[in-house]
Amino acid sequence: MKSQPIEISQYYHYFNRSNNKELIFREKENYVYFLRLINKYILPIAEIYSYCLLPNHFHFILRIKDSKDLPEKYQSNKSKISQPFSNLFNAYTKAYNKKYGRKGSLFQKHPKHILITNENYLRNLIVYVNCNPSHHNIENFDTYSYSSHKALLSNLPTKIIRTAVIDLFDTKENLAFVLKNKHINMKLLNDLDLE
């Protein structure tokens, strides 16, 4: 089944994993470089609400910007809005392959993106993504360095759309409470077939 095109002004759960459960991120340097590429390729076209980078897969909750806020080359050709994602994966794979002396594709061929049309689903997904390190028994989510959890609850500058996320949970304190208690409705998230 062919994936639906990414559309402007829409929210998405964007995720992918490695081929054969291989590691995508072997060391801190890998995570940092991937986030730099996110800044370069994805932030010009999207706002990030939450993310989590795990050793063999990742999740992003993002909103594609409105047409007027996109770089000019995408304003005139909206069908190319998925190109920055391809550029991100190609750039990361080339650098990763060079560093570790490997060849071939690192990621599964087609990343998944699920359109988010329901605010309740969005809230549950934010909890799921930020608690993902605990879900996979990698590390406690509140100490994990490669997710948006700390940025959402701090007062430090961030490129995450923190205010909008907090508004979904009314207050920062309530967001912290919901995350700590992992109040999540998994029935709403039954499309997460990443495992």
Protein backbone atom coordinates (compact mmCIF):
# COMPACT_ATOMS: atom_id res chain seq x y z
CA MET A 1 0.00 0.00 0.00
CA LYS A 2 1.41 3.35 -1.03
CA SER A 3 1.95 5.94 1.69
CA GLN A 4 -0.15 9.10 1.59
CA PRO A 5 1.78 12.28 0.72
CA ILE A 6 2.78 14.65 3.50
CA GLU A 7 0.63 17.79 3.45
CA ILE A 8 1.25 21.31 4.67
CA SER A 9 -0.36 22.57 7.91
CA GLN A 10 -0.86 19.01 9.19
CA TYR A 11 0.33 17.15 12.28
CA TYR A 12 2.17 13.84 11.87
CA HIS A 13 3.68 11.05 13.85
CA TYR A 14 6.82 10.39 11.81
CA PHE A 15 8.89 7.32 12.65
CA ASN A 16 11.30 4.79 11.24
CA ARG A 17 13.64 2.07 12.35
CA SER A 18 16.79 0.45 11.13
CA ASN A 19 17.07 -2.48 8.80
CA ASN A 20 17.33 -5.80 10.66
CA LYS A 21 17.18 -4.07 14.07
CA GLU A 22 20.72 -2.80 13.51
CA LEU A 23 21.81 0.16 15.63
CA ILE A 24 21.15 3.59 14.13
CA PHE A 25 22.83 5.32 17.06
CA ARG A 26 25.93 3.63 18.48
CA GLU A 27 27.31 6.51 20.52
CA LYS A 28 26.50 10.03 21.73
CA GLU A 29 28.11 11.56 18.65
CA ASN A 30 25.51 9.81 16.43
CA TYR A 31 22.55 11.26 18.33
CA VAL A 32 24.05 14.76 18.27
CA TYR A 33 24.75 14.58 14.53
CA PHE A 34 21.23 13.32 13.76
CA LEU A 35 19.74 16.23 15.73
CA ARG A 36 21.97 18.67 13.81
CA LEU A 37 20.57 17.24 10.58
CA ILE A 38 17.03 17.67 11.95
CA ASN A 39 17.86 21.35 12.48
CA LYS A 40 19.20 21.64 8.95
CA TYR A 41 16.58 19.69 7.00
CA ILE A 42 13.36 19.44 9.04
CA LEU A 43 13.06 22.63 11.09
CA PRO A 44 12.75 24.82 7.97
CA ILE A 45 9.57 22.91 7.02
CA ALA A 46 8.15 21.67 10.32
CA GLU A 47 7.63 22.42 13.99
CA ILE A 48 8.60 19.64 16.39
CA TYR A 49 6.28 18.90 19.31
CA SER A 50 8.09 15.85 20.68
CA TYR A 51 10.74 13.35 19.70
CA CYS A 52 12.63 10.33 20.94
CA LEU A 53 15.77 8.81 19.43
CA LEU A 54 16.35 5.20 20.48
CA PRO A 55 19.24 2.92 19.50
CA ASN A 56 17.39 1.29 16.57
CA HIS A 57 14.41 3.58 15.87
CA PHE A 58 13.04 7.07 16.37
CA HIS A 59 9.78 8.98 16.73
CA PHE A 60 8.88 12.59 15.91
CA ILE A 61 5.62 14.39 16.44
CA LEU A 62 5.63 17.35 14.12
CA ARG A 63 3.49 19.83 12.29
CA ILE A 64 4.32 20.79 8.73
CA LYS A 65 4.38 24.58 8.55
CA ASP A 66 1.76 26.67 6.78
CA SER A 67 2.54 27.50 3.16
CA LYS A 68 3.51 31.12 3.91
CA ASP A 69 6.11 29.93 6.47
CA LEU A 70 7.78 27.38 4.20
CA PRO A 71 10.98 28.09 2.26
CA GLU A 72 10.10 29.51 -1.15
CA LYS A 73 11.05 26.35 -3.07
CA TYR A 74 8.33 24.43 -1.19
CA GLN A 75 5.71 27.16 -1.47
CA SER A 76 5.69 26.78 -5.24
CA ASN A 77 6.00 22.97 -5.25
CA LYS A 78 4.24 21.49 -2.24
CA SER A 79 4.60 17.96 -3.63
CA LYS A 80 8.31 18.14 -2.71
CA ILE A 81 7.61 18.64 1.01
CA SER A 82 8.87 15.11 1.77
CA GLN A 83 12.27 15.82 0.14
CA PRO A 84 13.89 17.18 3.35
CA PHE A 85 13.15 13.87 5.09
CA SER A 86 14.89 11.98 2.29
CA ASN A 87 17.83 14.40 2.48
CA LEU A 88 18.08 13.83 6.23
CA PHE A 89 18.20 10.02 5.93
CA ASN A 90 20.64 10.10 3.02
CA ALA A 91 23.02 12.51 4.77
CA TYR A 92 22.93 10.55 8.02
CA THR A 93 23.39 7.17 6.31
CA LYS A 94 26.37 8.39 4.26
CA ALA A 95 28.12 9.78 7.35
CA TYR A 96 27.27 6.69 9.42
CA ASN A 97 28.48 4.28 6.72
CA LYS A 98 31.72 6.20 6.34
CA LYS A 99 32.37 6.31 10.09
CA TYR A 100 31.68 2.62 10.68
CA GLY A 101 32.93 1.16 7.40
CA ARG A 102 29.57 -0.20 6.32
CA LYS A 103 27.60 -0.10 3.07
CA GLY A 104 23.98 0.02 2.09
CA SER A 105 20.76 1.27 3.57
CA LEU A 106 20.63 1.94 7.29
CA PHE A 107 16.91 2.72 7.59
CA GLN A 108 13.89 0.77 6.43
CA LYS A 109 13.00 1.94 2.96
CA HIS A 110 9.76 3.77 3.72
CA PRO A 111 9.50 5.81 6.92
CA LYS A 112 6.00 5.85 8.36
CA HIS A 113 3.98 8.98 8.86
CA ILE A 114 0.56 8.95 10.41
CA LEU A 115 -1.70 11.96 10.11
CA ILE A 116 -2.86 13.22 13.51
CA THR A 117 -6.37 14.64 13.36
CA ASN A 118 -7.51 14.26 16.96
CA GLU A 119 -6.27 16.27 19.96
CA ASN A 120 -6.78 13.38 22.37
CA TYR A 121 -4.70 11.14 20.11
CA LEU A 122 -2.02 13.87 19.97
CA ARG A 123 -1.85 14.09 23.78
CA ASN A 124 -1.55 10.32 24.16
CA LEU A 125 1.10 10.18 21.46
CA ILE A 126 3.15 12.88 23.22
CA VAL A 127 3.12 10.76 26.38
CA TYR A 128 4.00 7.60 24.43
CA VAL A 129 6.91 9.20 22.56
CA ASN A 130 8.43 10.88 25.61
CA CYS A 131 8.10 7.72 27.73
CA ASN A 132 9.48 5.46 24.98
CA PRO A 133 12.89 4.80 26.63
CA SER A 134 11.06 3.30 29.63
CA HIS A 135 8.65 1.40 27.38
CA HIS A 136 11.64 -0.34 25.75
CA ASN A 137 13.53 -0.81 29.05
CA ILE A 138 16.45 1.27 27.77
CA GLU A 139 16.53 3.85 30.55
CA ASN A 140 14.09 5.74 32.73
CA PHE A 141 12.46 8.28 30.41
CA ASP A 142 13.00 11.21 32.79
CA THR A 143 16.79 10.78 32.73
CA TYR A 144 17.09 9.89 29.03
CA SER A 145 19.10 12.45 27.05
CA TYR A 146 17.79 11.90 23.52
CA SER A 147 14.13 12.83 23.78
CA SER A 148 12.13 16.02 24.17
CA HIS A 149 11.12 15.26 27.77
CA LYS A 150 13.70 17.52 29.44
CA ALA A 151 13.14 20.36 26.97
CA LEU A 152 9.39 20.27 27.51
CA LEU A 153 9.70 20.62 31.28
CA SER A 154 12.60 23.10 31.48
CA ASN A 155 12.72 26.86 31.06
CA LEU A 156 15.82 26.76 28.87
CA PRO A 157 15.62 27.83 25.21
CA THR A 158 14.45 25.03 22.92
CA LYS A 159 13.42 24.44 19.33
CA ILE A 160 10.60 22.19 20.52
CA ILE A 161 7.18 23.85 20.36
CA ARG A 162 7.02 23.67 24.17
CA THR A 163 4.22 26.18 24.83
CA ALA A 164 1.83 24.43 22.46
CA VAL A 165 2.58 21.05 24.08
CA ILE A 166 2.10 22.41 27.59
CA ASP A 167 -1.18 24.03 26.50
CA LEU A 168 -2.45 20.59 25.46
CA PHE A 169 -1.99 19.50 29.09
CA ASP A 170 -3.11 22.85 30.63
CA THR A 171 0.05 23.41 32.73
CA LYS A 172 3.67 22.29 32.84
CA GLU A 173 2.97 20.66 36.21
CA ASN A 174 0.12 18.63 34.76
CA LEU A 175 2.28 17.57 31.80
CA ALA A 176 4.97 16.41 34.26
CA PHE A 177 2.34 14.52 36.29
CA VAL A 178 0.86 12.82 33.22
CA LEU A 179 4.31 11.80 31.96
CA LYS A 180 5.40 10.54 35.39
CA ASN A 181 2.26 8.45 35.71
CA LYS A 182 2.23 7.53 32.02
CA HIS A 183 -1.46 8.27 31.69
CA ILE A 184 -1.85 6.95 28.19
CA ASN A 185 -4.67 5.36 26.27
CA MET A 186 -2.96 2.63 24.25
CA LYS A 187 -6.20 1.83 22.41
CA LEU A 188 -5.84 5.20 20.68
CA LEU A 189 -2.31 4.30 19.62
CA ASN A 190 -2.99 0.89 18.09
CA ASP A 191 -1.26 1.91 14.85
CA LEU A 192 2.17 1.90 16.50
CA ASP A 193 3.43 -1.28 14.86
CA LEU A 194 7.06 -0.24 15.19
CA GLU A 195 8.02 -3.02 17.57
